[in-house]
Protein backbone atom coordinates (compact mmCIF):
# COMPACT_ATOMS: atom_id res chain seq x y z
CA MET A 1 -15.76 10.13 4.63
CA THR A 2 -13.21 10.93 1.98
CA PHE A 3 -10.13 8.73 1.72
CA ALA A 4 -8.07 11.56 3.23
CA ASP A 5 -10.53 11.78 6.16
CA LYS A 6 -10.33 8.06 6.82
CA LEU A 7 -6.53 8.14 6.64
CA ARG A 8 -6.35 11.00 9.14
CA ALA A 9 -8.78 9.25 11.48
CA ALA A 10 -6.89 5.95 11.36
CA GLN A 11 -3.57 7.68 11.97
CA THR A 12 -4.97 9.72 14.85
CA THR A 13 -6.32 6.58 16.51
CA THR A 14 -3.12 4.55 16.09
CA ARG A 15 -0.59 7.43 16.23
CA SER A 16 1.00 5.56 13.35
CA ARG A 17 2.02 5.85 9.71
CA VAL A 18 2.58 2.08 9.43
CA CYS A 19 0.97 0.10 6.62
CA VAL A 20 1.43 -3.66 7.01
CA GLY A 21 1.98 -5.43 3.70
CA LEU A 22 0.18 -8.78 3.74
CA ASP A 23 2.37 -10.72 1.30
CA PRO A 24 2.16 -14.28 2.66
CA ASP A 25 4.82 -16.51 1.12
CA PRO A 26 3.97 -20.19 1.76
CA ALA A 27 7.70 -21.00 2.00
CA ARG A 28 8.08 -18.57 4.91
CA LEU A 29 5.03 -19.42 6.98
CA PRO A 30 5.77 -20.02 10.67
CA GLU A 31 6.53 -23.58 11.68
CA PRO A 32 3.28 -24.01 13.70
CA LEU A 33 1.16 -23.43 10.55
CA ARG A 34 3.01 -25.65 8.11
CA ASP A 35 0.89 -28.75 8.70
CA GLN A 36 -2.29 -26.98 7.55
CA PRO A 37 -3.50 -26.76 3.93
CA ILE A 38 -1.75 -23.74 2.37
CA ALA A 39 -4.82 -21.58 1.86
CA GLU A 40 -6.07 -22.08 5.40
CA ALA A 41 -2.59 -21.59 6.85
CA ILE A 42 -2.26 -18.25 5.06
CA LEU A 43 -5.67 -17.11 6.24
CA THR A 44 -4.83 -18.08 9.83
CA PHE A 45 -1.50 -16.29 9.52
CA ASN A 46 -3.04 -13.11 8.10
CA ARG A 47 -5.76 -12.96 10.73
CA ALA A 48 -3.20 -13.36 13.49
CA ILE A 49 -1.01 -10.59 12.08
CA ILE A 50 -3.98 -8.24 11.72
CA GLU A 51 -5.25 -8.97 15.22
CA VAL A 52 -1.96 -8.21 16.96
CA THR A 53 -1.06 -5.13 14.91
CA ALA A 54 -4.46 -3.44 14.59
CA ASP A 55 -3.71 -0.84 17.24
CA VAL A 56 -0.27 0.07 15.82
CA ALA A 57 -0.98 0.01 12.07
CA CYS A 58 -3.29 2.42 10.27
CA ALA A 59 -3.52 0.38 7.06
CA TYR A 60 -3.05 -3.05 5.50
CA LYS A 61 -1.89 -3.77 1.96
CA PRO A 62 -2.50 -7.30 0.67
CA ASN A 63 -0.53 -7.92 -2.51
CA LEU A 64 -2.74 -9.75 -5.01
CA ALA A 65 0.09 -11.82 -6.47
CA PHE A 66 0.42 -13.84 -3.27
CA TYR A 67 -3.30 -14.70 -3.37
CA GLU A 68 -3.62 -15.32 -7.10
CA ALA A 69 -0.77 -17.82 -6.78
CA LEU A 70 -3.05 -19.96 -4.59
CA GLY A 71 -5.30 -20.74 -7.55
CA ALA A 72 -9.01 -21.29 -6.94
CA ASP A 73 -8.71 -20.53 -3.21
CA GLY A 74 -6.86 -17.28 -3.75
CA TRP A 75 -9.71 -14.80 -4.13
CA ARG A 76 -11.53 -16.29 -1.14
CA VAL A 77 -8.45 -15.92 1.04
CA PHE A 78 -7.98 -12.36 -0.23
CA GLU A 79 -11.63 -11.49 0.51
CA GLU A 80 -11.52 -13.00 3.99
CA THR A 81 -8.22 -11.27 4.71
CA CYS A 82 -9.71 -7.90 3.76
CA ALA A 83 -12.80 -8.64 5.87
CA ALA A 84 -10.55 -9.26 8.90
CA VAL A 85 -9.21 -5.70 8.82
CA PRO A 86 -11.09 -3.45 11.29
CA ASP A 87 -13.51 -1.05 9.66
CA ASP A 88 -11.61 2.00 10.89
CA ARG A 89 -8.36 0.91 9.24
CA LEU A 90 -7.55 1.26 5.55
CA VAL A 91 -7.42 -1.63 3.09
CA ILE A 92 -5.17 -1.03 0.09
CA ALA A 93 -5.47 -3.66 -2.64
CA ASP A 94 -1.96 -3.86 -4.06
CA ALA A 95 -3.06 -5.03 -7.47
CA LYS A 96 -1.03 -2.73 -9.76
CA ARG A 97 -3.83 -2.90 -12.31
CA GLY A 98 -3.62 -0.79 -15.44
CA ASP A 99 -5.73 -1.47 -18.50
CA ILE A 100 -8.03 0.25 -20.99
CA GLY A 101 -11.16 1.95 -19.66
CA ASN A 102 -13.77 -0.80 -19.86
CA THR A 103 -11.47 -3.41 -18.36
CA ALA A 104 -10.23 -0.99 -15.70
CA ARG A 105 -13.86 -0.35 -14.68
CA MET A 106 -14.29 -4.05 -14.01
CA TYR A 107 -11.13 -4.09 -11.91
CA ALA A 108 -12.43 -1.10 -9.94
CA ARG A 109 -15.72 -2.90 -9.30
CA ALA A 110 -13.90 -6.03 -8.15
CA PHE A 111 -11.92 -4.17 -5.52
CA TYR A 112 -14.26 -1.39 -4.44
CA GLU A 113 -17.52 -3.33 -4.54
CA GLY A 114 -16.27 -6.89 -4.22
CA VAL A 115 -13.98 -6.50 -1.21
CA ASP A 116 -14.72 -2.89 -0.16
CA ALA A 117 -11.09 -1.81 -0.51
CA ASP A 118 -10.34 1.83 0.26
CA ALA A 119 -7.65 2.10 -2.40
CA VAL A 120 -6.04 0.22 -5.28
CA THR A 121 -2.52 0.55 -6.63
CA VAL A 122 -2.67 1.44 -10.32
CA SER A 123 -0.13 1.16 -13.12
CA PRO A 124 -0.36 4.24 -15.40
CA TYR A 125 1.51 2.91 -18.43
CA MET A 126 -1.65 2.88 -20.58
CA GLY A 127 -2.40 6.50 -19.77
CA SER A 128 -5.19 8.33 -17.99
CA GLU A 129 -7.90 5.84 -19.02
CA ALA A 130 -6.12 3.25 -16.90
CA ILE A 131 -6.48 5.54 -13.86
CA THR A 132 -9.85 7.26 -14.16
CA PRO A 133 -12.12 4.24 -13.48
CA PHE A 134 -10.49 3.97 -10.04
CA LEU A 135 -11.45 7.61 -9.36
CA GLU A 136 -15.18 7.30 -9.95
CA MET A 137 -16.23 6.33 -6.42
CA GLU A 138 -16.25 8.82 -3.57
CA GLY A 139 -14.11 7.87 -0.60
CA ARG A 140 -11.76 5.67 -2.65
CA CYS A 141 -8.23 6.34 -3.85
CA ALA A 142 -6.24 5.33 -6.93
CA ILE A 143 -2.66 5.08 -5.72
CA VAL A 144 -0.62 5.45 -8.89
CA LEU A 145 2.87 4.03 -9.40
CA ILE A 146 5.04 7.13 -9.80
CA ALA A 147 8.60 6.37 -8.65
CA THR A 148 9.01 2.85 -7.35
CA SER A 149 11.61 1.39 -4.99
CA ASN A 150 12.90 -1.39 -7.27
CA PRO A 151 16.30 -0.76 -8.90
CA SER A 152 15.10 -1.11 -12.49
CA GLY A 153 12.23 1.35 -12.05
CA ALA A 154 14.50 4.20 -13.09
CA GLU A 155 14.98 2.63 -16.53
CA LEU A 156 11.64 4.15 -17.55
CA GLN A 157 10.67 6.48 -14.72
CA ASP A 158 13.80 8.65 -14.97
CA LEU A 159 13.82 9.03 -18.76
CA ILE A 160 13.79 12.69 -19.75
CA VAL A 161 10.87 13.72 -21.98
CA ASP A 162 10.36 17.39 -22.90
CA GLY A 163 12.87 18.40 -20.27
CA GLU A 164 11.31 16.45 -17.39
CA PRO A 165 11.63 12.90 -16.07
CA VAL A 166 8.77 10.57 -16.88
CA TYR A 167 7.82 10.32 -13.20
CA ARG A 168 7.00 14.05 -13.16
CA HIS A 169 4.82 13.68 -16.25
CA THR A 170 3.10 10.69 -14.63
CA ALA A 171 2.44 12.55 -11.39
CA ARG A 172 0.89 15.45 -13.27
CA LEU A 173 -1.23 13.09 -15.39
CA ALA A 174 -2.56 11.37 -12.26
CA VAL A 175 -3.44 14.60 -10.45
CA GLU A 176 -5.16 16.02 -13.53
CA ALA A 177 -7.15 12.79 -13.96
CA ALA A 178 -8.52 13.18 -10.44
CA ALA A 179 -9.30 16.89 -10.67
CA ASP A 180 -13.03 16.61 -11.45
CA ARG A 181 -13.80 13.17 -10.10
CA PRO A 182 -15.24 12.03 -6.78
CA GLY A 183 -12.32 9.78 -5.90
CA GLU A 184 -8.84 10.79 -4.81
CA VAL A 185 -5.36 10.10 -6.12
CA GLY A 186 -2.23 9.00 -4.28
CA PHE A 187 1.33 8.23 -5.31
CA VAL A 188 3.56 5.22 -4.79
CA VAL A 189 7.02 6.65 -4.14
CA GLY A 190 9.86 4.37 -3.05
CA ALA A 191 11.69 4.81 0.24
CA THR A 192 14.99 4.08 -1.46
CA ARG A 193 14.87 7.47 -3.27
CA PRO A 194 14.37 10.08 -0.53
CA ALA A 195 15.57 13.04 -2.63
CA LEU A 196 13.01 12.20 -5.30
CA LEU A 197 10.36 11.76 -2.60
CA ALA A 198 11.15 15.25 -1.26
CA GLU A 199 10.95 16.69 -4.79
CA LEU A 200 7.49 15.22 -5.35
CA ARG A 201 6.29 16.32 -1.92
CA THR A 202 7.29 19.89 -2.67
CA ALA A 203 5.31 19.76 -5.92
CA TYR A 204 2.31 17.92 -4.41
CA PRO A 205 2.02 18.79 -0.71
CA ASP A 206 -1.47 17.33 -0.19
CA VAL A 207 -1.27 14.07 -2.16
CA PRO A 208 -1.11 10.89 0.00
CA PHE A 209 2.13 9.01 -0.51
CA LEU A 210 2.34 5.24 -0.11
CA VAL A 211 6.01 4.50 0.49
CA PRO A 212 7.31 0.92 0.18
CA GLY A 213 10.91 -0.08 0.61
CA VAL A 214 11.64 0.57 4.30
CA GLY A 215 13.37 -2.38 5.93
CA ALA A 216 14.16 -5.34 3.69
CA GLN A 217 14.67 -3.13 0.60
CA GLY A 218 17.02 -0.76 2.43
CA GLY A 219 14.92 2.39 2.86
CA ASP A 220 15.46 4.47 6.00
CA ALA A 221 12.40 5.44 8.08
CA ALA A 222 13.80 8.74 9.34
CA ALA A 223 14.86 9.79 5.84
CA VAL A 224 11.37 9.05 4.50
CA VAL A 225 9.62 11.11 7.17
CA ASP A 226 12.03 13.99 6.67
CA ALA A 227 11.54 13.91 2.89
CA ALA A 228 7.75 13.59 3.06
CA GLY A 229 7.38 16.56 5.40
CA SER A 230 3.91 17.22 6.80
CA GLY A 231 1.98 15.74 3.87
CA PRO A 232 -0.14 12.58 4.20
CA LEU A 233 2.11 9.53 4.40
CA LEU A 234 1.74 5.75 4.64
CA VAL A 235 4.91 3.69 5.00
CA ASN A 236 4.65 0.03 4.11
CA SER A 237 6.58 -2.88 5.55
CA SER A 238 5.90 -6.46 4.55
CA ARG A 239 8.72 -8.93 5.20
CA GLY A 240 10.15 -7.00 8.13
CA ILE A 241 6.89 -7.40 10.05
CA LEU A 242 5.45 -10.65 8.71
CA TYR A 243 8.57 -12.75 9.15
CA ALA A 244 9.99 -11.29 12.35
CA SER A 245 9.82 -14.86 13.69
CA ASP A 246 9.03 -18.27 12.21
CA GLY A 247 8.23 -19.87 15.54
CA ASP A 248 5.31 -20.02 17.96
CA ASP A 249 5.85 -16.34 18.76
CA PHE A 250 5.39 -15.15 15.16
CA ALA A 251 2.44 -12.92 16.01
CA GLU A 252 4.09 -11.34 19.04
CA ALA A 253 7.28 -10.77 17.05
CA ALA A 254 5.28 -9.15 14.23
CA ARG A 255 3.69 -6.79 16.74
CA ARG A 256 7.09 -5.83 18.16
CA ALA A 257 8.37 -5.12 14.65
CA ALA A 258 5.31 -3.00 13.84
CA GLU A 259 5.70 -1.07 17.10
CA ALA A 260 9.37 -0.42 16.38
CA MET A 261 8.52 0.86 12.92
CA ARG A 262 5.72 3.06 14.27
CA ASP A 263 8.14 4.59 16.77
CA ALA A 264 10.82 5.12 14.11
CA LEU A 265 8.36 6.94 11.87
CA GLY A 266 7.00 9.14 14.65
CA ASP A 267 3.50 10.25 15.54
CA PRO A 268 1.83 11.75 12.43
CA SER A 269 -0.10 14.23 14.60
CA ASN A 270 3.11 15.90 15.81
């Protein structure tokens, strides 16, 4: 299956565009888990979140920073978290890697072969050679940072070069890098900039968009769906789902939050 095929299948099964961001902050773990060693508590937490949301989320996006911060246990917890995701859901390694070709190839191996991730977020600042190693495996997707949801992103992304903003140059670079390779390319486009999202969707109707920023960062679900049109779309929520409760009902509360987000985003098959 191509990445696009797997995305369509997962969204058809779940009737959902929801991607759950697995960004486990030890300081915000639910009270019932706080007496466990941190690494084990996070793994228990992640497994519980995945189990209760698997029928309402089409994808999961563990952010590597939260696992690397655990030290020696971090990669194990990341691997076991990815392994807990059902095979018919997508795993997006939110690593934001971006390095020269030989190093990028090792990163691609780590995520595609090491943990069998379906996609990796990629920083394009070092040019096309930072992207292409993530495009060399069929069925996988390099999701390139194009226009991010953080306020300072515009400091570089909106700069005008040769009459166009840098984000347009970056989008074109990413699509051209994928043109003759077995993998696929996607874009990270922030929910806090719906007009920009609509602009990129018009230019790239078939590229999958991973959209962070709905919920805690202030993005509006309805505005995102309207801007993204009928193109492939994943909308990520991390804190709004993970920390819906810090009590014994944390898993049930996370499911309710994921359901509410799924309903707000609408059925992708409609």
